[in-house]
Amino acid sequence: MYSGQHNNEKELFQLVAAGDEIAFRQLFEAYKKRLLALVFRLCKTETATEDILQEVFISIWQHRERLAELEEPSLYILTTARNKTFKYLRKLSLDKRMQQQVWYRISATADNQTQEQVELRESQALIEKGLSLLSRQKQTVYWLSRQQGLNHEQIAAQLNLSKSRVKNIIVEVLQYIRQYLQNHGTLFPIFLLATSPELISHLPL
């Protein structure tokens, strides 16, 4: 958090509220690490964390006048980050039941974490089993996108495929995994499989 005394922090908020861009940069630097940790703990992907953090500070700047009116501006900043993250998670949920599972994971207490980890490992094992039934090409494309974080163009260049073919393969694999999990009675949030923004953008709805 901002390294100055309480009065200096209040002054910083006042300056940002007045449109001082230098003060806003100081505010960004003061809260960046804390917000990165908070957002990443919830969404688990670096790319999404960075995008959400950018949205948070854009929102703070667009509504900066509020900082001068709030008793606890720092709480407002943290709440904005949390709400932006939850909005991101809701957007990725495939249906109401999956969304409930996501919220359960977010709000689970320490006592439940062990059971969650077991369930996630079991789901991941089922996913790996399903993937093993696919062609080598599809497995490779999925692995490069999920594990290596490569985009469509990079994967296409590495495997000597067209970009559109890579895109189609990713869509096909995600649709297959979703159906495979459903056939085995598992409602694992499929967006948890995606670490690449391009992969996320083609989740089957």
Protein backbone atom coordinates (compact mmCIF):
# COMPACT_ATOMS: atom_id res chain seq x y z
CA MET A 1 0.00 0.00 0.00
CA TYR A 2 1.03 3.63 -0.34
CA SER A 3 4.14 4.11 1.76
CA GLY A 4 3.37 7.54 3.23
CA GLN A 5 1.48 8.29 6.40
CA HIS A 6 -2.32 8.21 6.51
CA ASN A 7 -2.61 11.93 5.77
CA ASN A 8 -0.33 11.59 2.78
CA GLU A 9 -2.45 8.71 1.50
CA LYS A 10 -5.60 10.81 1.84
CA GLU A 11 -3.81 13.59 0.00
CA LEU A 12 -2.88 11.19 -2.77
CA PHE A 13 -6.53 10.18 -3.21
CA GLN A 14 -7.53 13.84 -3.29
CA LEU A 15 -5.01 14.57 -6.00
CA VAL A 16 -6.20 11.65 -8.10
CA ALA A 17 -9.80 12.78 -7.64
CA ALA A 18 -8.74 16.18 -8.98
CA GLY A 19 -7.30 14.58 -12.12
CA ASP A 20 -3.59 14.59 -11.23
CA GLU A 21 -2.03 11.99 -13.55
CA ILE A 22 1.24 11.83 -11.61
CA ALA A 23 -0.68 11.04 -8.44
CA PHE A 24 -2.61 8.39 -10.34
CA ARG A 25 0.65 6.76 -11.39
CA GLN A 26 1.72 6.75 -7.73
CA LEU A 27 -1.60 5.18 -6.79
CA PHE A 28 -1.11 2.50 -9.44
CA GLU A 29 2.36 1.65 -8.15
CA ALA A 30 1.14 1.63 -4.55
CA TYR A 31 -1.68 -0.86 -5.17
CA LYS A 32 -0.41 -2.86 -8.14
CA LYS A 33 1.23 -5.76 -6.28
CA ARG A 34 -1.60 -6.19 -3.80
CA LEU A 35 -4.25 -6.19 -6.52
CA LEU A 36 -2.24 -8.57 -8.71
CA ALA A 37 -2.08 -11.04 -5.85
CA LEU A 38 -5.80 -10.70 -5.11
CA VAL A 39 -6.94 -11.12 -8.70
CA PHE A 40 -4.54 -13.94 -9.53
CA ARG A 41 -5.65 -15.89 -6.45
CA LEU A 42 -9.17 -15.93 -7.90
CA CYS A 43 -8.72 -16.30 -11.66
CA LYS A 44 -5.45 -18.30 -11.70
CA THR A 45 -4.16 -16.98 -15.05
CA GLU A 46 -1.55 -14.28 -15.56
CA THR A 47 -3.05 -12.94 -18.79
CA ALA A 48 -6.52 -12.56 -17.27
CA THR A 49 -5.02 -11.02 -14.14
CA GLU A 50 -3.25 -8.34 -16.15
CA ASP A 51 -6.37 -7.60 -18.20
CA ILE A 52 -8.54 -7.34 -15.09
CA LEU A 53 -6.01 -5.09 -13.36
CA GLN A 54 -6.04 -2.78 -16.36
CA GLU A 55 -9.84 -2.64 -16.24
CA VAL A 56 -9.73 -1.87 -12.52
CA PHE A 57 -7.49 1.16 -12.93
CA ILE A 58 -9.36 2.38 -15.99
CA SER A 59 -12.54 2.25 -13.91
CA ILE A 60 -10.86 4.05 -11.00
CA TRP A 61 -9.65 6.81 -13.29
CA GLN A 62 -13.01 7.16 -15.03
CA HIS A 63 -14.74 7.49 -11.66
CA ARG A 64 -11.88 9.21 -9.83
CA GLU A 65 -14.16 11.90 -8.34
CA ARG A 66 -15.53 9.23 -5.99
CA LEU A 67 -12.16 8.95 -4.24
CA ALA A 68 -12.65 12.39 -2.71
CA GLU A 69 -16.04 11.43 -1.27
CA LEU A 70 -15.23 8.03 0.22
CA GLU A 71 -14.24 7.41 3.82
CA GLU A 72 -12.20 4.36 2.80
CA PRO A 73 -10.95 4.84 -0.78
CA SER A 74 -8.60 1.87 -0.41
CA LEU A 75 -11.57 -0.40 0.31
CA TYR A 76 -13.27 0.95 -2.81
CA ILE A 77 -10.21 0.04 -4.88
CA LEU A 78 -10.07 -3.50 -3.50
CA THR A 79 -13.82 -3.95 -3.97
CA THR A 80 -13.54 -2.78 -7.58
CA ALA A 81 -10.82 -5.38 -8.22
CA ARG A 82 -12.87 -8.14 -6.62
CA ASN A 83 -16.01 -7.21 -8.58
CA LYS A 84 -14.13 -7.06 -11.88
CA THR A 85 -12.69 -10.50 -11.19
CA PHE A 86 -16.09 -11.97 -10.33
CA LYS A 87 -17.50 -10.47 -13.51
CA TYR A 88 -14.75 -12.20 -15.48
CA LEU A 89 -15.50 -15.54 -13.81
CA ARG A 90 -19.24 -15.22 -14.43
CA LYS A 91 -18.62 -14.55 -18.10
CA LEU A 92 -16.62 -17.75 -18.37
CA SER A 93 -19.12 -19.97 -16.59
CA LEU A 94 -20.88 -22.22 -19.09
CA ASP A 95 -24.14 -22.61 -17.24
CA LYS A 96 -25.71 -21.99 -13.87
CA ARG A 97 -24.50 -25.22 -12.30
CA MET A 98 -20.92 -24.63 -13.40
CA GLN A 99 -21.14 -21.08 -12.10
CA GLN A 100 -22.20 -22.41 -8.71
CA GLN A 101 -19.14 -24.65 -8.68
CA VAL A 102 -16.91 -21.68 -9.44
CA TRP A 103 -18.43 -19.62 -6.63
CA TYR A 104 -18.05 -22.60 -4.33
CA ARG A 105 -14.34 -22.77 -5.10
CA ILE A 106 -13.93 -19.05 -4.46
CA SER A 107 -15.75 -19.07 -1.12
CA ALA A 108 -14.62 -22.48 0.15
CA THR A 109 -13.04 -22.51 3.59
CA ALA A 110 -9.69 -24.06 4.38
CA ASP A 111 -11.47 -27.18 5.65
CA ASN A 112 -12.92 -27.79 2.21
CA GLN A 113 -9.77 -27.13 0.22
CA THR A 114 -8.44 -30.67 0.52
CA GLN A 115 -11.64 -32.16 -0.88
CA GLU A 116 -11.64 -29.58 -3.66
CA GLN A 117 -8.13 -30.52 -4.64
CA VAL A 118 -9.09 -34.18 -4.77
CA GLU A 119 -12.06 -33.41 -6.99
CA LEU A 120 -9.99 -31.21 -9.27
CA ARG A 121 -7.29 -33.86 -9.58
CA GLU A 122 -9.93 -36.46 -10.43
CA SER A 123 -11.44 -34.16 -13.04
CA GLN A 124 -8.02 -33.42 -14.49
CA ALA A 125 -7.26 -37.15 -14.69
CA LEU A 126 -10.52 -37.68 -16.55
CA ILE A 127 -9.63 -34.86 -18.94
CA GLU A 128 -6.21 -36.39 -19.60
CA LYS A 129 -7.85 -39.74 -20.30
CA GLY A 130 -10.25 -38.11 -22.75
CA LEU A 131 -7.43 -36.26 -24.49
CA SER A 132 -5.50 -39.50 -24.92
CA LEU A 133 -8.25 -40.71 -27.23
CA LEU A 134 -7.73 -37.82 -29.64
CA SER A 135 -5.36 -37.72 -32.57
CA ARG A 136 -1.74 -36.76 -31.97
CA GLN A 137 -2.27 -33.51 -33.87
CA LYS A 138 -5.20 -32.44 -31.70
CA GLN A 139 -3.35 -33.35 -28.52
CA THR A 140 -0.34 -31.32 -29.64
CA VAL A 141 -2.37 -28.24 -30.57
CA TYR A 142 -4.22 -28.36 -27.24
CA TRP A 143 -0.96 -28.83 -25.30
CA LEU A 144 0.77 -25.92 -27.04
CA SER A 145 -2.20 -23.66 -26.38
CA ARG A 146 -2.86 -24.72 -22.77
CA GLN A 147 0.57 -25.59 -21.41
CA GLN A 148 2.78 -23.32 -23.49
CA GLY A 149 0.34 -20.42 -23.84
CA LEU A 150 1.00 -20.05 -27.57
CA ASN A 151 -1.50 -18.19 -29.74
CA HIS A 152 -3.02 -19.50 -32.97
CA GLU A 153 -0.39 -17.94 -35.20
CA GLN A 154 2.51 -19.35 -33.18
CA ILE A 155 1.00 -22.83 -33.10
CA ALA A 156 0.31 -22.71 -36.84
CA ALA A 157 3.91 -21.77 -37.58
CA GLN A 158 5.31 -24.49 -35.31
CA LEU A 159 3.11 -27.27 -36.73
CA ASN A 160 3.01 -26.02 -40.33
CA LEU A 161 -0.78 -25.60 -40.23
CA SER A 162 -3.03 -22.74 -41.25
CA LYS A 163 -4.20 -20.39 -38.53
CA SER A 164 -7.83 -21.24 -39.28
CA ARG A 165 -7.07 -24.96 -38.92
CA VAL A 166 -5.52 -24.37 -35.50
CA LYS A 167 -8.57 -22.37 -34.44
CA ASN A 168 -10.92 -25.14 -35.60
CA ILE A 169 -8.91 -27.80 -33.78
CA ILE A 170 -9.06 -25.87 -30.51
CA VAL A 171 -12.82 -25.44 -30.81
CA GLU A 172 -13.25 -29.14 -31.63
CA VAL A 173 -11.11 -30.23 -28.68
CA LEU A 174 -12.96 -28.04 -26.19
CA GLN A 175 -16.33 -29.23 -27.46
CA TYR A 176 -15.12 -32.83 -27.22
CA ILE A 177 -13.83 -32.40 -23.67
CA ARG A 178 -17.04 -30.76 -22.55
CA GLN A 179 -19.11 -33.61 -23.95
CA TYR A 180 -16.69 -36.21 -22.58
CA LEU A 181 -16.98 -34.79 -19.07
CA GLN A 182 -20.75 -34.60 -19.29
CA ASN A 183 -20.91 -38.22 -20.44
CA HIS A 184 -18.94 -39.17 -17.35
CA GLY A 185 -21.14 -37.16 -14.99
CA THR A 186 -18.64 -34.39 -14.34
CA LEU A 187 -19.39 -30.67 -14.46
CA PHE A 188 -15.84 -29.37 -14.42
CA PRO A 189 -15.75 -25.67 -15.47
CA ILE A 190 -14.19 -25.97 -18.90
CA PHE A 191 -12.79 -22.46 -18.80
CA LEU A 192 -10.31 -23.74 -16.20
CA LEU A 193 -8.69 -25.65 -19.07
CA ALA A 194 -7.90 -22.42 -20.90
CA THR A 195 -4.87 -20.29 -20.18
CA SER A 196 -4.59 -18.67 -23.60
CA PRO A 197 -6.87 -15.65 -24.29
CA GLU A 198 -7.48 -16.97 -27.81
CA LEU A 199 -8.42 -20.37 -26.44
CA ILE A 200 -10.80 -18.78 -23.93
CA SER A 201 -12.46 -16.75 -26.68
CA HIS A 202 -13.52 -19.94 -28.48
CA LEU A 203 -15.06 -21.83 -25.60
CA PRO A 204 -18.20 -23.72 -26.73
CA LEU A 205 -21.31 -22.03 -25.38
